[in-house]
């Protein structure tokens, strides 16, 4: 069953990005007439870009969504630093394990949603969009 997300809902942006990250089909109903187009719904990056350009979603919410990407970057950095560190190997295993856990689990859902392609079908005069993962 496709979840219907209306732009009049206060949490529509979070719900949409979450649906992208879970690779679930969903419907966005632009009942607030925000001006969403099919090109804005291609993937999570397009939606985030639209929200930022139109000042529809506050920077705080966009930052929260993108912070999970930073967690992965931190994990990768920890692994690289652990390998490059000349210290004894007693710390190496701990740092690599911690870095890998951050890198693999910290923002896997968000990162997956950024690269996944979706098919979009517009209905009701271009105000309702059906989004399904390919």
N, C-alpha and C. Protein backbone atom coordinates (compact mmCIF):
# COMPACT_ATOMS: atom_id res chain seq x y z
N UNK A 1 0.85 -1.18 0.00
CA UNK A 1 0.00 0.00 0.00
C UNK A 1 0.89 1.24 0.00
N UNK A 2 0.59 2.16 -0.89
CA UNK A 2 1.36 3.38 -0.99
C UNK A 2 0.93 4.39 0.08
N UNK A 3 1.90 4.95 0.76
CA UNK A 3 1.62 5.98 1.75
C UNK A 3 1.34 7.29 1.01
N UNK A 4 0.32 8.01 1.42
CA UNK A 4 0.04 9.31 0.82
C UNK A 4 0.56 10.40 1.74
N UNK A 5 1.37 11.26 1.16
CA UNK A 5 1.97 12.37 1.90
C UNK A 5 1.44 13.66 1.29
N UNK A 6 0.81 14.46 2.11
CA UNK A 6 0.27 15.74 1.65
C UNK A 6 1.22 16.85 2.09
N UNK A 7 1.45 17.80 1.19
CA UNK A 7 2.36 18.89 1.53
C UNK A 7 1.78 19.82 2.60
N UNK A 8 0.50 19.67 2.90
CA UNK A 8 -0.09 20.45 4.00
C UNK A 8 0.31 19.88 5.36
N UNK A 9 0.82 18.63 5.37
CA UNK A 9 1.30 18.01 6.61
C UNK A 9 2.60 18.70 7.02
N UNK A 10 2.71 19.03 8.28
CA UNK A 10 3.89 19.72 8.80
C UNK A 10 5.18 18.91 8.59
N UNK A 11 5.07 17.59 8.60
CA UNK A 11 6.25 16.72 8.49
C UNK A 11 6.37 16.06 7.11
N UNK A 12 5.81 16.66 6.08
CA UNK A 12 5.81 16.03 4.76
C UNK A 12 7.21 15.79 4.23
N UNK A 13 8.14 16.72 4.48
CA UNK A 13 9.50 16.59 3.97
C UNK A 13 10.20 15.39 4.58
N UNK A 14 10.13 15.26 5.92
CA UNK A 14 10.76 14.13 6.60
C UNK A 14 10.16 12.81 6.14
N UNK A 15 8.83 12.79 6.00
CA UNK A 15 8.16 11.56 5.56
C UNK A 15 8.60 11.16 4.15
N UNK A 16 8.73 12.15 3.28
CA UNK A 16 9.13 11.85 1.90
C UNK A 16 10.56 11.31 1.85
N UNK A 17 11.48 11.97 2.56
CA UNK A 17 12.88 11.50 2.55
C UNK A 17 12.97 10.12 3.19
N UNK A 18 12.19 9.89 4.24
CA UNK A 18 12.18 8.58 4.88
C UNK A 18 11.67 7.50 3.92
N UNK A 19 10.63 7.82 3.15
CA UNK A 19 10.11 6.87 2.17
C UNK A 19 11.14 6.58 1.09
N UNK A 20 11.86 7.62 0.65
CA UNK A 20 12.94 7.41 -0.32
C UNK A 20 13.98 6.46 0.26
N UNK A 21 14.40 6.71 1.52
CA UNK A 21 15.46 5.90 2.12
C UNK A 21 15.03 4.46 2.35
N UNK A 22 13.73 4.24 2.59
CA UNK A 22 13.24 2.88 2.77
C UNK A 22 12.88 2.21 1.45
N UNK A 23 13.03 2.95 0.36
CA UNK A 23 12.73 2.45 -0.98
C UNK A 23 11.29 1.99 -1.09
N UNK A 24 10.39 2.74 -0.47
CA UNK A 24 8.97 2.42 -0.50
C UNK A 24 8.25 3.32 -1.49
N UNK A 25 7.30 2.77 -2.22
CA UNK A 25 6.49 3.64 -3.07
C UNK A 25 5.60 4.54 -2.20
N UNK A 26 5.37 5.75 -2.67
CA UNK A 26 4.52 6.68 -1.93
C UNK A 26 3.91 7.69 -2.90
N UNK A 27 2.93 8.42 -2.41
CA UNK A 27 2.25 9.44 -3.19
C UNK A 27 2.46 10.77 -2.49
N UNK A 28 2.85 11.78 -3.26
CA UNK A 28 2.91 13.14 -2.72
C UNK A 28 1.79 13.93 -3.36
N UNK A 29 0.95 14.48 -2.53
CA UNK A 29 -0.14 15.34 -2.97
C UNK A 29 0.23 16.78 -2.64
N UNK A 30 0.51 17.56 -3.66
CA UNK A 30 0.91 18.96 -3.48
C UNK A 30 -0.33 19.83 -3.25
N UNK A 31 -1.02 19.56 -2.16
CA UNK A 31 -2.25 20.30 -1.86
C UNK A 31 -1.98 21.73 -1.39
N UNK A 32 -0.75 22.04 -1.04
CA UNK A 32 -0.38 23.40 -0.66
C UNK A 32 0.07 24.23 -1.86
N UNK A 33 0.07 23.60 -3.03
CA UNK A 33 0.50 24.27 -4.27
C UNK A 33 1.91 24.86 -4.13
N UNK A 34 2.85 24.02 -3.71
CA UNK A 34 4.23 24.46 -3.53
C UNK A 34 4.97 24.59 -4.86
N UNK A 35 4.42 23.96 -5.89
CA UNK A 35 5.05 24.02 -7.20
C UNK A 35 5.94 22.83 -7.51
N UNK A 36 5.71 21.70 -6.85
CA UNK A 36 6.49 20.50 -7.13
C UNK A 36 6.27 20.04 -8.56
N UNK A 37 7.35 19.58 -9.19
CA UNK A 37 7.29 19.03 -10.55
C UNK A 37 7.86 17.63 -10.52
N UNK A 38 7.65 16.90 -11.60
CA UNK A 38 8.19 15.53 -11.68
C UNK A 38 9.71 15.55 -11.51
N UNK A 39 10.37 16.55 -12.07
CA UNK A 39 11.83 16.62 -11.97
C UNK A 39 12.30 16.82 -10.53
N UNK A 40 11.46 17.39 -9.68
CA UNK A 40 11.80 17.58 -8.27
C UNK A 40 11.65 16.31 -7.47
N UNK A 41 11.04 15.29 -8.05
CA UNK A 41 10.74 14.06 -7.32
C UNK A 41 11.61 12.88 -7.78
N UNK A 42 12.60 13.10 -8.65
CA UNK A 42 13.42 12.01 -9.17
C UNK A 42 14.07 11.19 -8.08
N UNK A 43 14.60 11.85 -7.09
CA UNK A 43 15.26 11.18 -5.96
C UNK A 43 15.31 12.15 -4.78
N UNK A 44 15.87 11.70 -3.70
CA UNK A 44 15.91 12.52 -2.49
C UNK A 44 16.73 13.79 -2.68
N UNK A 45 17.79 13.71 -3.48
CA UNK A 45 18.63 14.90 -3.71
C UNK A 45 17.82 15.98 -4.42
N UNK A 46 17.03 15.58 -5.42
CA UNK A 46 16.20 16.55 -6.14
C UNK A 46 15.18 17.20 -5.21
N UNK A 47 14.59 16.41 -4.34
CA UNK A 47 13.61 16.95 -3.40
C UNK A 47 14.27 17.91 -2.41
N UNK A 48 15.43 17.54 -1.90
CA UNK A 48 16.16 18.42 -0.97
C UNK A 48 16.54 19.72 -1.66
N UNK A 49 16.99 19.62 -2.91
CA UNK A 49 17.36 20.81 -3.67
C UNK A 49 16.16 21.73 -3.88
N UNK A 50 15.01 21.14 -4.23
CA UNK A 50 13.79 21.93 -4.40
C UNK A 50 13.42 22.64 -3.10
N UNK A 51 13.44 21.90 -2.01
CA UNK A 51 13.06 22.48 -0.71
C UNK A 51 13.99 23.61 -0.31
N UNK A 52 15.27 23.47 -0.61
CA UNK A 52 16.24 24.50 -0.27
C UNK A 52 16.05 25.74 -1.14
N UNK A 53 15.89 25.55 -2.43
CA UNK A 53 15.75 26.69 -3.35
C UNK A 53 14.48 27.49 -3.09
N UNK A 54 13.41 26.80 -2.78
CA UNK A 54 12.13 27.46 -2.59
C UNK A 54 11.92 27.95 -1.15
N UNK A 55 12.86 27.67 -0.27
CA UNK A 55 12.76 28.05 1.15
C UNK A 55 11.48 27.51 1.78
N UNK A 56 11.09 26.31 1.36
CA UNK A 56 9.88 25.67 1.87
C UNK A 56 10.16 24.95 3.18
N UNK A 57 11.31 24.33 3.24
CA UNK A 57 11.71 23.58 4.42
C UNK A 57 12.86 24.34 5.08
N UNK A 58 12.80 24.56 6.37
CA UNK A 58 13.87 25.29 7.05
C UNK A 58 15.22 24.55 6.95
N UNK A 59 16.28 25.33 6.99
CA UNK A 59 17.62 24.76 6.93
C UNK A 59 17.84 23.72 8.03
N UNK A 60 17.21 23.93 9.17
CA UNK A 60 17.39 23.00 10.29
C UNK A 60 16.96 21.59 9.90
N UNK A 61 15.83 21.46 9.23
CA UNK A 61 15.35 20.14 8.82
C UNK A 61 16.25 19.54 7.76
N UNK A 62 16.68 20.36 6.80
CA UNK A 62 17.58 19.86 5.77
C UNK A 62 18.88 19.40 6.40
N UNK A 63 19.37 20.17 7.35
CA UNK A 63 20.62 19.82 8.04
C UNK A 63 20.49 18.50 8.79
N UNK A 64 19.34 18.29 9.42
CA UNK A 64 19.13 17.03 10.13
C UNK A 64 19.19 15.85 9.18
N UNK A 65 18.59 16.00 8.02
CA UNK A 65 18.60 14.92 7.04
C UNK A 65 20.03 14.67 6.55
N UNK A 66 20.74 15.75 6.28
CA UNK A 66 22.09 15.60 5.73
C UNK A 66 23.13 15.24 6.78
N UNK A 67 22.82 15.43 8.05
CA UNK A 67 23.77 15.09 9.11
C UNK A 67 24.10 13.61 9.10
N UNK A 68 23.13 12.81 8.73
CA UNK A 68 23.40 11.37 8.70
C UNK A 68 24.47 11.03 7.67
N UNK A 69 24.56 11.83 6.62
CA UNK A 69 25.62 11.62 5.64
C UNK A 69 26.98 11.90 6.28
N UNK A 70 27.03 12.91 7.12
CA UNK A 70 28.26 13.25 7.81
C UNK A 70 28.74 12.14 8.72
N UNK A 71 27.83 11.38 9.27
CA UNK A 71 28.20 10.26 10.14
C UNK A 71 29.02 9.25 9.34
N UNK A 72 28.60 8.98 8.13
CA UNK A 72 29.35 8.05 7.29
C UNK A 72 30.73 8.60 6.99
N UNK A 73 30.80 9.89 6.67
CA UNK A 73 32.10 10.51 6.40
C UNK A 73 33.03 10.42 7.60
N UNK A 74 32.49 10.62 8.78
CA UNK A 74 33.30 10.51 10.00
C UNK A 74 33.82 9.09 10.18
N UNK A 75 32.96 8.12 9.92
CA UNK A 75 33.39 6.73 10.04
C UNK A 75 34.52 6.39 9.09
N UNK A 76 34.42 6.86 7.86
CA UNK A 76 35.48 6.61 6.87
C UNK A 76 36.77 7.30 7.30
N UNK A 77 36.65 8.52 7.81
CA UNK A 77 37.83 9.25 8.27
C UNK A 77 38.51 8.51 9.42
N UNK A 78 37.74 7.99 10.36
CA UNK A 78 38.31 7.25 11.50
C UNK A 78 39.09 6.04 11.02
N UNK A 79 38.53 5.31 10.07
CA UNK A 79 39.23 4.13 9.53
C UNK A 79 40.54 4.56 8.87
N UNK A 80 40.51 5.62 8.05
CA UNK A 80 41.72 6.09 7.39
C UNK A 80 42.76 6.56 8.40
N UNK A 81 42.33 7.28 9.43
CA UNK A 81 43.25 7.76 10.45
C UNK A 81 43.85 6.60 11.24
N UNK A 82 43.07 5.59 11.51
CA UNK A 82 43.56 4.43 12.25
C UNK A 82 44.63 3.69 11.47
N UNK A 83 44.44 3.57 10.19
CA UNK A 83 45.42 2.87 9.35
C UNK A 83 46.70 3.69 9.22
N UNK A 84 46.58 5.01 9.10
CA UNK A 84 47.74 5.87 8.93
C UNK A 84 48.49 6.14 10.23
N UNK A 85 47.88 5.89 11.37
CA UNK A 85 48.47 6.20 12.67
C UNK A 85 49.64 5.27 12.97
N UNK A 86 50.80 5.82 13.37
CA UNK A 86 51.97 4.98 13.68
C UNK A 86 51.92 4.37 15.09
N UNK A 87 50.89 4.64 15.85
CA UNK A 87 50.76 4.09 17.21
C UNK A 87 50.70 2.56 17.17
N UNK A 88 50.84 1.94 18.33
CA UNK A 88 50.74 0.48 18.39
C UNK A 88 49.39 -0.02 17.89
N UNK A 89 49.35 -1.24 17.46
CA UNK A 89 48.14 -1.81 16.86
C UNK A 89 47.05 -2.10 17.87
N UNK A 90 47.28 -1.87 19.15
CA UNK A 90 46.23 -2.13 20.15
C UNK A 90 45.02 -1.21 19.92
N UNK A 91 45.26 -0.01 19.44
CA UNK A 91 44.17 0.92 19.16
C UNK A 91 43.60 0.73 17.76
N UNK A 92 44.37 0.13 16.90
CA UNK A 92 43.99 0.01 15.50
C UNK A 92 42.68 -0.75 15.32
N UNK A 93 42.55 -1.88 15.97
CA UNK A 93 41.34 -2.69 15.83
C UNK A 93 40.12 -1.94 16.33
N UNK A 94 40.24 -1.28 17.46
CA UNK A 94 39.12 -0.53 18.02
C UNK A 94 38.70 0.61 17.10
N UNK A 95 39.66 1.35 16.59
CA UNK A 95 39.34 2.47 15.71
C UNK A 95 38.73 1.99 14.39
N UNK A 96 39.29 0.97 13.82
CA UNK A 96 38.75 0.46 12.56
C UNK A 96 37.34 -0.09 12.76
N UNK A 97 37.13 -0.84 13.83
CA UNK A 97 35.80 -1.39 14.09
C UNK A 97 34.78 -0.27 14.31
N UNK A 98 35.15 0.72 15.13
CA UNK A 98 34.24 1.84 15.37
C UNK A 98 33.97 2.63 14.11
N UNK A 99 34.99 2.87 13.33
CA UNK A 99 34.82 3.61 12.07
C UNK A 99 33.95 2.87 11.08
N UNK A 100 34.15 1.56 11.00
CA UNK A 100 33.31 0.77 10.08
C UNK A 100 31.86 0.76 10.52
N UNK A 101 31.62 0.66 11.82
CA UNK A 101 30.23 0.68 12.30
C UNK A 101 29.58 2.01 11.95
N UNK A 102 30.29 3.12 12.16
CA UNK A 102 29.74 4.42 11.79
C UNK A 102 29.50 4.52 10.29
N UNK A 103 30.49 4.09 9.52
CA UNK A 103 30.39 4.21 8.07
C UNK A 103 29.28 3.35 7.49
N UNK A 104 29.10 2.15 8.04
CA UNK A 104 28.13 1.23 7.45
C UNK A 104 26.70 1.45 7.94
N UNK A 105 26.54 1.82 9.19
CA UNK A 105 25.19 1.92 9.73
C UNK A 105 24.70 3.34 9.96
N UNK A 106 25.60 4.30 10.05
CA UNK A 106 25.22 5.66 10.41
C UNK A 106 24.21 6.30 9.49
N UNK A 107 24.41 6.17 8.20
CA UNK A 107 23.49 6.83 7.28
C UNK A 107 23.23 5.99 6.04
N UNK A 108 23.21 4.70 6.20
CA UNK A 108 23.02 3.81 5.07
C UNK A 108 21.71 4.09 4.35
N UNK A 109 20.64 4.27 5.10
CA UNK A 109 19.34 4.53 4.48
C UNK A 109 19.32 5.81 3.66
N UNK A 110 19.89 6.87 4.22
CA UNK A 110 19.90 8.14 3.50
C UNK A 110 20.77 8.06 2.26
N UNK A 111 21.93 7.47 2.39
CA UNK A 111 22.81 7.36 1.23
C UNK A 111 22.18 6.50 0.14
N UNK A 112 21.49 5.46 0.53
CA UNK A 112 20.83 4.62 -0.47
C UNK A 112 19.76 5.41 -1.20
N UNK A 113 19.07 6.27 -0.49
CA UNK A 113 18.01 7.05 -1.13
C UNK A 113 18.56 8.08 -2.10
N UNK A 114 19.79 8.53 -1.89
CA UNK A 114 20.35 9.55 -2.76
C UNK A 114 20.66 9.01 -4.15
N UNK A 115 21.04 7.78 -4.25
CA UNK A 115 21.41 7.24 -5.54
C UNK A 115 20.37 6.38 -6.22
N UNK A 116 19.32 6.03 -5.53
CA UNK A 116 18.31 5.15 -6.09
C UNK A 116 17.42 5.90 -7.06
N UNK A 117 17.06 5.24 -8.16
CA UNK A 117 16.18 5.86 -9.14
C UNK A 117 14.74 5.47 -8.86
N UNK A 118 13.84 6.41 -9.09
CA UNK A 118 12.43 6.20 -8.86
C UNK A 118 11.66 6.55 -10.13
N UNK A 119 10.54 5.88 -10.35
CA UNK A 119 9.64 6.27 -11.43
C UNK A 119 8.56 7.15 -10.82
N UNK A 120 8.26 8.22 -11.54
CA UNK A 120 7.29 9.18 -11.05
C UNK A 120 6.16 9.30 -12.06
N UNK A 121 4.94 9.24 -11.56
CA UNK A 121 3.76 9.43 -12.39
C UNK A 121 2.97 10.59 -11.80
N UNK A 122 2.65 11.56 -12.64
CA UNK A 122 1.88 12.71 -12.17
C UNK A 122 0.41 12.51 -12.49
N UNK A 123 -0.45 12.93 -11.56
CA UNK A 123 -1.89 12.85 -11.75
C UNK A 123 -2.52 14.12 -11.21
N UNK A 124 -3.79 14.27 -11.46
CA UNK A 124 -4.59 15.41 -10.99
C UNK A 124 -3.95 16.75 -11.36
N UNK A 125 -3.65 16.89 -12.64
CA UNK A 125 -3.12 18.18 -13.10
C UNK A 125 -1.73 18.49 -12.61
N UNK A 126 -0.95 17.49 -12.27
CA UNK A 126 0.42 17.70 -11.83
C UNK A 126 0.56 18.10 -10.37
N UNK A 127 -0.46 17.84 -9.56
CA UNK A 127 -0.33 18.16 -8.13
C UNK A 127 -0.20 16.90 -7.29
N UNK A 128 -0.35 15.72 -7.88
CA UNK A 128 -0.20 14.47 -7.15
C UNK A 128 0.82 13.62 -7.88
N UNK A 129 1.80 13.12 -7.15
CA UNK A 129 2.87 12.35 -7.75
C UNK A 129 2.93 10.98 -7.11
N UNK A 130 3.01 9.93 -7.93
CA UNK A 130 3.17 8.56 -7.45
C UNK A 130 4.62 8.19 -7.66
N UNK A 131 5.33 7.88 -6.59
CA UNK A 131 6.76 7.59 -6.65
C UNK A 131 6.97 6.13 -6.29
N UNK A 132 7.68 5.39 -7.17
CA UNK A 132 7.96 3.97 -6.94
C UNK A 132 9.42 3.71 -7.26
N UNK A 133 10.11 2.94 -6.40
CA UNK A 133 11.52 2.61 -6.70
C UNK A 133 11.60 1.69 -7.90
N UNK A 134 12.64 1.88 -8.71
CA UNK A 134 12.83 1.03 -9.88
C UNK A 134 13.54 -0.24 -9.51
